[in-house]
C-alpha cells in the first residue's frame, strides 16, 4: 500500500476519534447531574439549563463557523475544537470548587467545551466527505463515521458509571479529567495527519445559491426532522421507561438511551460496512416509516416490554437519517464547502433541540386540550408522554416526505443549475 492511502487512513481514524470527543462533551455533564445536585445543591431546573446551554452554544458555533472554515482551512479549527474540548473538560472538574458559585463554574466549562463540540459538528463530516475515495463509497463512509458518536456515547455512560462506582462520588472530578485525555491525544495526531483542502472561493457554491434551490431547502427540512426524530426518543426514553413503563431508573437507562444508542451505532456501522449496494434514498424513506411505527408502538403498546423495545428499536431506524442526509446533499452539491455543512449541522442541531422540547409541551397539554388522546392510551403515570410520542410520529414521516422531494432533483442536476 502506498504512503498516501496510509496517511489518509490515519486522517479518517482521527475523524472517527473526533466524533467520540463530541460524544464525550455532549454526555459527560448529564451523567454527573446527580453529583452536582447533591454536592453543590444545584436545582434540577438549573441542571436542565446546562444541557440547553451546551446545545445553544453549539448552534451559535455552527452559525459562526459558516464562513470561517472555508477561509482558514480545516486544520486550525480542528485543533481549536480539541483544545476547547480539553480545556472545557478540565474546567468542569475544577471550576465548581474554585468559584463562589458552583453553577457559574459549570456554565463556564460547558460554554468552553460546547464551542469545541460545535466546531466538530461542522468540520468532521466535510473532511471525511472530501477525503480521496470512490464516490459510491462516500455514503457508507459517512455512516461509519457517525457510528463512532454512538460508540463514544456508550463508552462515556459505561466508563463514567464504573468510575463513580469504584471511586465514589467524592472523586467525581476524575471522570472529566480522564476523558480529557481523548481529545488531548487526538490533538497531537491532527497536528501530523494530512487534511483535504477546502473548496476554493471561485469554485464553491455560494450560500445564496444553496438557499435558492428547493432541493437544498428540503435537505434542511430532512436534517431538522431527522435530528428531532433521533433526539426526541433518545432524550425521553429513560423518563418514559421509568414513568410510562414502570421500570427502575437503572433499568430505564439501560433499556432506554443505552440500548437506543447501541442499536443506532449498529445501524450506522452496518451500513458503513455493507451498504454500498443499497439505494440510500429508498433506505431513508423506509427508515422514516420504521421510526414512525416505533413511535406509535411505544405509545400504544400496553405491555411495558413492547413499549421499551419500540423505543430501543427506534435507534436502529433513525441511525441513517442524519448521516444519510449529509450524503444525499453533498452528492448534489459537491462544491458546497464548509458553509453548506454548517447550514446542515445548524438545521440538525435545531431539530435536536426543539424536538424534545416540543414533546415535553405536548405531554403537558394532556392535562388540557390533549386529555381526550391521553385517555385513549395505556396509563403512563400521568406523564402524558404516550400522547406526546404518538404525535411525534409525524416527525419522521415529514423526513420521509422531504427525502422523496429530494429524489425529484437527481444527482448532477443541482450541480449544473
Protein backbone atom coordinates (compact mmCIF):
# COMPACT_ATOMS: atom_id res chain seq x y z
CA UNK A 1 0.00 0.00 0.00
CA UNK A 2 1.32 3.45 -0.89
CA UNK A 3 2.12 6.17 1.65
CA UNK A 4 -0.78 8.42 0.69
CA UNK A 5 -3.58 5.93 1.45
CA UNK A 6 -1.92 5.13 4.77
CA UNK A 7 -1.77 8.83 5.63
CA UNK A 8 -5.40 9.43 4.74
CA UNK A 9 -6.34 6.29 6.67
CA UNK A 10 -4.81 7.97 9.72
CA UNK A 11 -6.84 11.09 8.92
CA UNK A 12 -10.01 9.03 8.78
CA UNK A 13 -9.21 7.41 12.14
CA UNK A 14 -8.59 10.84 13.69
CA UNK A 15 -12.02 11.95 12.43
CA UNK A 16 -13.60 8.86 13.99
CA UNK A 17 -12.00 9.76 17.32
CA UNK A 18 -13.22 13.34 16.87
CA UNK A 19 -16.80 12.12 16.93
CA UNK A 20 -16.02 10.21 20.12
CA UNK A 21 -14.80 13.55 21.51
CA UNK A 22 -18.11 15.14 20.58
CA UNK A 23 -19.96 12.32 22.35
CA UNK A 24 -17.85 12.99 25.45
CA UNK A 25 -18.65 16.69 25.64
CA UNK A 26 -22.37 16.10 24.99
CA UNK A 27 -22.84 13.32 27.54
CA UNK A 28 -20.39 13.76 30.43
CA UNK A 29 -22.23 16.52 32.32
CA UNK A 30 -25.70 14.86 32.29
CA UNK A 31 -24.14 11.74 33.81
CA UNK A 32 -22.86 13.91 36.67
CA UNK A 33 -26.10 15.81 37.26
CA UNK A 34 -26.91 13.78 40.35
CA UNK A 35 -23.47 14.67 41.77
CA UNK A 36 -23.92 18.36 41.03
CA UNK A 37 -27.39 18.27 42.60
CA UNK A 38 -26.35 16.54 45.83
CA UNK A 39 -22.85 18.00 46.39
CA UNK A 40 -23.43 21.58 45.20
CA UNK A 41 -27.19 21.88 45.82
CA UNK A 42 -27.82 22.95 42.22
CA UNK A 43 -31.58 22.88 41.45
CA UNK A 44 -32.84 20.49 38.80
CA UNK A 45 -34.08 23.32 36.58
CA UNK A 46 -30.57 24.83 36.52
CA UNK A 47 -29.12 21.46 35.58
CA UNK A 48 -31.54 21.34 32.68
CA UNK A 49 -30.30 24.81 31.77
CA UNK A 50 -26.77 23.41 31.43
CA UNK A 51 -27.96 20.94 28.79
CA UNK A 52 -29.76 23.73 26.92
CA UNK A 53 -26.65 25.92 27.21
CA UNK A 54 -24.49 23.21 25.66
CA UNK A 55 -26.65 22.81 22.57
CA UNK A 56 -27.36 26.54 22.34
CA UNK A 57 -23.65 27.36 22.19
CA UNK A 58 -23.16 24.61 19.62
CA UNK A 59 -25.90 26.17 17.47
CA UNK A 60 -24.21 29.57 17.63
CA UNK A 61 -20.86 27.95 16.83
CA UNK A 62 -22.40 26.23 13.78
CA UNK A 63 -23.59 29.64 12.60
CA UNK A 64 -20.27 31.41 13.26
CA UNK A 65 -18.26 28.67 11.53
CA UNK A 66 -20.09 29.00 8.21
CA UNK A 67 -17.58 31.47 6.72
CA UNK A 68 -14.63 30.71 8.99
CA UNK A 69 -13.93 27.17 7.80
CA UNK A 70 -13.68 27.89 4.08
CA UNK A 71 -11.39 30.86 4.72
CA UNK A 72 -8.83 29.32 7.09
CA UNK A 73 -8.97 25.63 6.14
CA UNK A 74 -9.70 22.61 8.28
CA UNK A 75 -6.61 22.17 10.43
CA UNK A 76 -6.68 25.25 12.65
CA UNK A 77 -10.41 24.96 13.52
CA UNK A 78 -9.96 21.21 14.18
CA UNK A 79 -7.07 21.91 16.53
CA UNK A 80 -9.06 24.68 18.22
CA UNK A 81 -12.02 22.32 18.68
CA UNK A 82 -9.84 19.79 20.50
CA UNK A 83 -8.14 22.47 22.62
CA UNK A 84 -11.55 23.77 23.71
CA UNK A 85 -12.72 20.23 24.49
CA UNK A 86 -9.66 19.54 26.65
CA UNK A 87 -9.93 22.91 28.40
CA UNK A 88 -13.67 22.62 28.96
CA UNK A 89 -13.43 19.13 30.47
CA UNK A 90 -10.61 20.25 32.75
CA UNK A 91 -12.62 23.30 33.84
CA UNK A 92 -15.63 21.07 34.51
CA UNK A 93 -13.50 19.19 37.05
CA UNK A 94 -12.08 22.22 38.89
CA UNK A 95 -14.23 25.35 38.46
CA UNK A 96 -17.24 24.27 40.59
CA UNK A 97 -14.99 24.15 43.66
CA UNK A 98 -12.90 27.21 42.78
CA UNK A 99 -15.62 29.76 42.03
CA UNK A 100 -18.06 31.14 44.63
CA UNK A 101 -20.93 29.82 42.50
CA UNK A 102 -20.63 26.16 41.51
CA UNK A 103 -23.27 26.65 38.84
CA UNK A 104 -21.33 29.53 37.28
CA UNK A 105 -18.25 27.32 37.17
CA UNK A 106 -20.17 24.55 35.45
CA UNK A 107 -21.69 27.02 32.99
CA UNK A 108 -18.27 28.40 32.02
CA UNK A 109 -16.95 24.88 31.46
CA UNK A 110 -19.97 23.93 29.36
CA UNK A 111 -19.60 27.01 27.15
CA UNK A 112 -15.92 26.24 26.53
CA UNK A 113 -16.34 22.62 25.51
CA UNK A 114 -19.57 23.32 23.65
CA UNK A 115 -17.60 25.58 21.29
CA UNK A 116 -15.35 22.60 20.61
CA UNK A 117 -18.36 20.34 20.06
CA UNK A 118 -19.97 22.80 17.67
CA UNK A 119 -16.78 23.09 15.61
CA UNK A 120 -16.51 19.32 15.38
CA UNK A 121 -20.11 19.12 14.16
CA UNK A 122 -19.24 21.46 11.29
CA UNK A 123 -15.74 20.15 10.45
CA UNK A 124 -15.57 16.38 10.70
CA UNK A 125 -18.21 15.41 8.14
CA UNK A 126 -16.84 17.59 5.28
CA UNK A 127 -13.30 16.37 5.98
CA UNK A 128 -14.36 12.75 5.56
CA UNK A 129 -16.53 13.65 2.57
CA UNK A 130 -13.55 15.28 0.81
CA UNK A 131 -11.02 12.54 1.52
CA UNK A 132 -9.96 10.65 -1.62
CA UNK A 133 -12.40 7.76 -2.04
CA UNK A 134 -14.75 6.36 -4.71
CA UNK A 135 -17.99 8.31 -5.00
CA UNK A 136 -20.06 5.18 -4.36
CA UNK A 137 -18.30 4.67 -1.03
CA UNK A 138 -18.85 8.15 0.41
CA UNK A 139 -22.31 7.46 1.89
CA UNK A 140 -21.10 4.33 3.67
CA UNK A 141 -18.00 6.18 4.94
CA UNK A 142 -20.28 8.90 6.35
CA UNK A 143 -22.47 6.34 8.13
CA UNK A 144 -19.41 4.60 9.57
CA UNK A 145 -18.06 7.96 10.78
CA UNK A 146 -21.29 8.82 12.60
CA UNK A 147 -21.39 5.39 14.24
CA UNK A 148 -18.42 6.46 16.36
CA UNK A 149 -20.59 9.04 18.10
CA UNK A 150 -22.79 6.16 19.26
CA UNK A 151 -19.82 4.10 20.44
CA UNK A 152 -18.48 7.17 22.22
CA UNK A 153 -21.81 7.74 23.93
CA UNK A 154 -21.93 4.13 25.14
CA UNK A 155 -18.33 4.31 26.36
CA UNK A 156 -18.97 7.53 28.29
CA UNK A 157 -22.03 6.03 30.00
CA UNK A 158 -20.35 2.74 30.93
CA UNK A 159 -16.90 4.02 31.92
CA UNK A 160 -18.19 7.02 33.88
CA UNK A 161 -20.68 4.84 35.75
CA UNK A 162 -17.89 2.38 36.62
CA UNK A 163 -15.58 5.19 37.78
CA UNK A 164 -18.25 6.64 40.06
CA UNK A 165 -18.98 3.18 41.41
CA UNK A 166 -15.33 2.34 42.11
CA UNK A 167 -14.05 5.69 43.41
CA UNK A 168 -17.29 7.13 44.75
CA UNK A 169 -18.99 10.44 44.03
CA UNK A 170 -16.42 12.25 46.18
CA UNK A 171 -13.87 11.76 43.37
CA UNK A 172 -16.27 12.64 40.56
CA UNK A 173 -13.76 15.12 39.09
CA UNK A 174 -11.60 12.20 37.94
CA UNK A 175 -14.14 11.39 35.22
CA UNK A 176 -13.89 14.62 33.16
CA UNK A 177 -10.12 14.73 33.67
CA UNK A 178 -9.68 11.20 32.38
CA UNK A 179 -11.98 11.82 29.42
CA UNK A 180 -9.94 14.93 28.56
CA UNK A 181 -7.10 12.57 27.61
CA UNK A 182 -9.02 11.52 24.47
CA UNK A 183 -9.15 14.97 22.77
CA UNK A 184 -5.63 15.72 24.04
CA UNK A 185 -4.22 12.61 22.35
CA UNK A 186 -6.18 13.23 19.15
CA UNK A 187 -4.92 16.82 19.12
CA UNK A 188 -1.34 15.62 18.59
CA UNK A 189 -2.48 13.23 15.87
CA UNK A 190 -4.22 16.05 14.00
CA UNK A 191 -1.00 18.07 14.01
CA UNK A 192 0.56 15.49 11.69
CA UNK A 193 -2.07 13.84 9.50
CA UNK A 194 -2.87 15.32 6.06
CA UNK A 195 -6.19 17.12 5.69
CA UNK A 196 -8.02 17.86 2.43
CA UNK A 197 -8.22 21.38 1.06
CA UNK A 198 -11.41 23.37 1.40
CA UNK A 199 -13.29 24.30 -1.75
CA UNK A 200 -11.77 27.48 -3.28
CA UNK A 201 -13.94 30.60 -3.30
CA UNK A 202 -14.14 30.71 -7.10
CA UNK A 203 -15.45 27.12 -7.26
CA UNK A 204 -17.57 26.95 -4.13
CA UNK A 205 -21.36 27.04 -4.45
CA UNK A 206 -22.46 30.27 -2.70
CA UNK A 207 -24.81 30.05 0.27
CA UNK A 208 -27.30 32.25 -1.56
CA UNK A 209 -27.38 29.73 -4.41
CA UNK A 210 -27.85 26.85 -1.99
CA UNK A 211 -30.75 28.55 -0.24
CA UNK A 212 -32.32 29.32 -3.61
CA UNK A 213 -32.52 25.66 -4.59
CA UNK A 214 -35.64 23.75 -3.44
CA UNK A 215 -33.64 20.52 -3.12
CA UNK A 216 -31.38 22.15 -0.52
CA UNK A 217 -34.35 23.54 1.38
CA UNK A 218 -35.80 20.03 1.53
CA UNK A 219 -32.39 18.84 2.76
CA UNK A 220 -32.62 21.35 5.63
CA UNK A 221 -36.11 20.06 6.45
CA UNK A 222 -34.75 16.50 6.41
CA UNK A 223 -31.86 17.43 8.72
CA UNK A 224 -34.19 19.22 11.14
CA UNK A 225 -36.75 16.41 11.31
CA UNK A 226 -34.04 13.74 11.34
CA UNK A 227 -32.38 15.40 14.32
CA UNK A 228 -35.75 15.78 16.06
CA UNK A 229 -36.73 12.14 15.43
CA UNK A 230 -33.43 10.94 16.88
CA UNK A 231 -33.12 13.21 19.92
CA UNK A 232 -36.77 13.17 20.97
CA UNK A 233 -36.77 9.42 21.54
CA UNK A 234 -33.20 9.37 22.84
CA UNK A 235 -33.75 12.06 25.49
CA UNK A 236 -37.20 10.95 26.62
CA UNK A 237 -36.71 7.17 26.53
CA UNK A 238 -35.23 6.90 30.04
CA UNK A 239 -38.01 9.01 31.56
CA UNK A 240 -40.63 7.08 29.61
CA UNK A 241 -39.18 3.74 30.74
CA UNK A 242 -39.45 4.76 34.39
CA UNK A 243 -42.69 6.77 34.38
CA UNK A 244 -44.57 5.27 31.46
CA UNK A 245 -43.43 1.64 31.65
CA UNK A 246 -42.81 1.44 35.40
CA UNK A 247 -39.25 0.06 35.46
CA UNK A 248 -36.41 1.17 37.75
CA UNK A 249 -34.14 4.12 36.96
CA UNK A 250 -31.10 1.91 36.30
CA UNK A 251 -33.11 -0.45 34.10
CA UNK A 252 -34.68 2.54 32.37
CA UNK A 253 -31.25 3.94 31.47
CA UNK A 254 -30.16 0.53 30.20
CA UNK A 255 -33.27 -0.21 28.15
CA UNK A 256 -33.82 3.41 27.14
CA UNK A 257 -30.89 5.55 25.94
CA UNK A 258 -28.37 2.72 26.38
CA UNK A 259 -30.00 0.19 24.06
CA UNK A 260 -31.14 3.02 21.78
CA UNK A 261 -27.54 4.18 21.29
CA UNK A 262 -26.32 0.60 20.78
CA UNK A 263 -28.84 -0.10 18.02
CA UNK A 264 -28.20 3.28 16.42
CA UNK A 265 -24.48 2.51 16.34
CA UNK A 266 -25.13 -0.95 14.89
CA UNK A 267 -27.30 0.57 12.16
CA UNK A 268 -24.67 3.11 11.14
CA UNK A 269 -21.81 0.64 11.37
CA UNK A 270 -23.68 -1.99 9.34
CA UNK A 271 -24.45 0.44 6.54
CA UNK A 272 -20.87 1.69 6.65
CA UNK A 273 -19.56 -1.84 6.08
CA UNK A 274 -22.21 -3.45 3.84
CA UNK A 275 -24.38 -0.65 2.49
CA UNK A 276 -22.69 0.28 -0.79
CA UNK A 277 -25.13 -1.75 -2.88
CA UNK A 278 -28.24 -0.32 -1.23
CA UNK A 279 -30.20 2.62 -2.63
CA UNK A 280 -29.78 5.29 0.04
CA UNK A 281 -32.95 7.25 -0.77
CA UNK A 282 -35.18 4.17 -0.54
CA UNK A 283 -33.44 3.10 2.66
CA UNK A 284 -34.01 6.51 4.24
CA UNK A 285 -37.70 6.55 3.33
CA UNK A 286 -38.10 3.04 4.73
CA UNK A 287 -36.22 4.05 7.87
CA UNK A 288 -38.51 7.02 8.39
CA UNK A 289 -41.56 4.74 8.18
CA UNK A 290 -39.94 2.30 10.63
CA UNK A 291 -39.14 5.12 13.06
CA UNK A 292 -42.71 6.42 12.90
CA UNK A 293 -44.01 2.91 13.57
CA UNK A 294 -41.74 2.62 16.62
CA UNK A 295 -43.13 5.88 18.00
CA UNK A 296 -46.69 4.59 17.52
CA UNK A 297 -45.96 1.21 19.12
CA UNK A 298 -44.19 2.83 22.07
CA UNK A 299 -47.27 4.98 22.65
CA UNK A 300 -49.99 2.34 22.07
CA UNK A 301 -48.49 -0.86 23.49
CA UNK A 302 -49.99 -1.80 26.83
CA UNK A 303 -47.22 -4.32 27.57
CA UNK A 304 -44.24 -2.41 29.02
CA UNK A 305 -41.56 -4.58 27.40
CA UNK A 306 -43.10 -3.99 23.97
CA UNK A 307 -43.05 -0.23 24.50
CA UNK A 308 -39.43 -0.35 25.64
CA UNK A 309 -38.37 -2.48 22.68
CA UNK A 310 -40.07 0.01 20.37
CA UNK A 311 -38.13 2.86 22.00
CA UNK A 312 -34.86 0.96 21.54
CA UNK A 313 -35.73 -0.19 18.02
CA UNK A 314 -36.24 3.43 17.02
CA UNK A 315 -32.48 3.85 17.42
CA UNK A 316 -31.93 1.43 14.55
CA UNK A 317 -34.38 3.20 12.24
CA UNK A 318 -33.13 6.75 12.93
CA UNK A 319 -29.48 5.71 12.63
CA UNK A 320 -29.09 6.82 9.00
CA UNK A 321 -31.35 9.87 8.95
CA UNK A 322 -28.63 12.38 9.90
CA UNK A 323 -25.58 10.95 8.04
CA UNK A 324 -27.75 9.88 5.10
CA UNK A 325 -29.00 13.44 4.57
CA UNK A 326 -25.40 14.68 4.67
CA UNK A 327 -24.55 12.21 1.90
CA UNK A 328 -27.58 12.98 -0.27
CA UNK A 329 -26.92 16.71 -0.07
CA UNK A 330 -23.16 16.56 -0.68
CA UNK A 331 -23.76 14.34 -3.72
CA UNK A 332 -25.96 17.06 -5.21
CA UNK A 333 -23.72 19.96 -4.13
CA UNK A 334 -20.14 18.59 -4.11
CA UNK A 335 -18.78 22.15 -4.10
CA UNK A 336 -20.92 23.34 -1.21
CA UNK A 337 -17.90 23.60 1.09
CA UNK A 338 -17.84 24.08 4.84
CA UNK A 339 -20.66 26.62 4.78
CA UNK A 340 -23.05 24.02 3.38
CA UNK A 341 -22.17 21.50 6.09
CA UNK A 342 -22.51 24.25 8.70
CA UNK A 343 -26.04 25.01 7.49
CA UNK A 344 -26.93 21.31 7.57
CA UNK A 345 -25.48 20.93 11.07
CA UNK A 346 -27.38 24.04 12.19
CA UNK A 347 -30.64 22.55 10.92
CA UNK A 348 -29.93 19.18 12.54
CA UNK A 349 -28.98 20.71 15.88
CA UNK A 350 -32.10 22.90 15.74
CA UNK A 351 -34.27 19.82 15.30
CA UNK A 352 -32.41 18.03 18.08
CA UNK A 353 -33.01 20.98 20.38
CA UNK A 354 -36.66 21.75 19.62
CA UNK A 355 -37.91 18.18 19.04
CA UNK A 356 -37.58 17.02 22.67
CA UNK A 357 -38.81 20.42 23.88
CA UNK A 358 -41.93 20.15 21.72
CA UNK A 359 -42.56 16.62 23.02
CA UNK A 360 -42.47 18.00 26.55
CA UNK A 361 -45.00 20.67 25.62
CA UNK A 362 -47.31 18.08 24.05
CA UNK A 363 -47.05 15.95 27.19
CA UNK A 364 -48.05 18.91 29.35
CA UNK A 365 -51.12 19.52 27.16
CA UNK A 366 -52.57 16.13 28.11
CA UNK A 367 -53.95 17.75 31.25
CA UNK A 368 -55.89 20.10 28.97
CA UNK A 369 -56.54 20.09 25.22
CA UNK A 370 -54.98 16.66 24.63
CA UNK A 371 -56.69 14.91 27.54
CA UNK A 372 -59.00 13.07 25.12
CA UNK A 373 -56.00 11.49 23.39
CA UNK A 374 -54.23 10.55 26.61
CA UNK A 375 -57.41 8.88 27.91
CA UNK A 376 -57.41 6.53 24.91
CA UNK A 377 -53.82 5.36 25.51
CA UNK A 378 -52.47 2.95 28.15
CA UNK A 379 -51.53 4.51 31.51
CA UNK A 380 -48.21 6.34 31.66
CA UNK A 381 -48.06 7.58 35.25
CA UNK A 382 -49.91 10.77 34.26
CA UNK A 383 -46.77 11.92 32.44
CA UNK A 384 -48.62 12.47 29.17
CA UNK A 385 -45.62 11.08 27.32
CA UNK A 386 -47.51 8.37 25.43
CA UNK A 387 -49.62 11.02 23.70
CA UNK A 388 -46.52 13.11 23.02
CA UNK A 389 -44.72 10.16 21.43
CA UNK A 390 -47.77 9.29 19.34
CA UNK A 391 -47.98 12.80 17.91
CA UNK A 392 -44.19 12.90 17.46
CA UNK A 393 -44.53 10.02 14.98
CA UNK A 394 -45.33 12.73 12.43
CA UNK A 395 -41.74 14.00 12.61
CA UNK A 396 -40.03 11.04 10.87
CA UNK A 397 -42.89 10.95 8.36
CA UNK A 398 -42.08 14.54 7.37
CA UNK A 399 -38.45 13.44 6.99
CA UNK A 400 -39.53 10.73 4.53
CA UNK A 401 -41.57 13.24 2.52
CA UNK A 402 -38.58 15.59 2.35
CA UNK A 403 -36.34 12.81 1.00
CA UNK A 404 -38.97 11.92 -1.62
CA UNK A 405 -38.92 15.57 -2.73
CA UNK A 406 -35.13 15.47 -2.93
CA UNK A 407 -35.36 12.46 -5.25
CA UNK A 408 -37.08 14.68 -7.81
CA UNK A 409 -33.80 16.60 -8.17
CA UNK A 410 -31.35 13.86 -9.17
CA UNK A 411 -27.61 13.91 -8.55
CA UNK A 412 -25.99 16.19 -11.10
CA UNK A 413 -28.97 18.48 -11.64
CA UNK A 414 -28.23 20.54 -8.55
CA UNK A 415 -24.61 20.96 -9.61
CA UNK A 416 -25.26 22.29 -13.07
CA UNK A 417 -28.13 24.64 -12.39
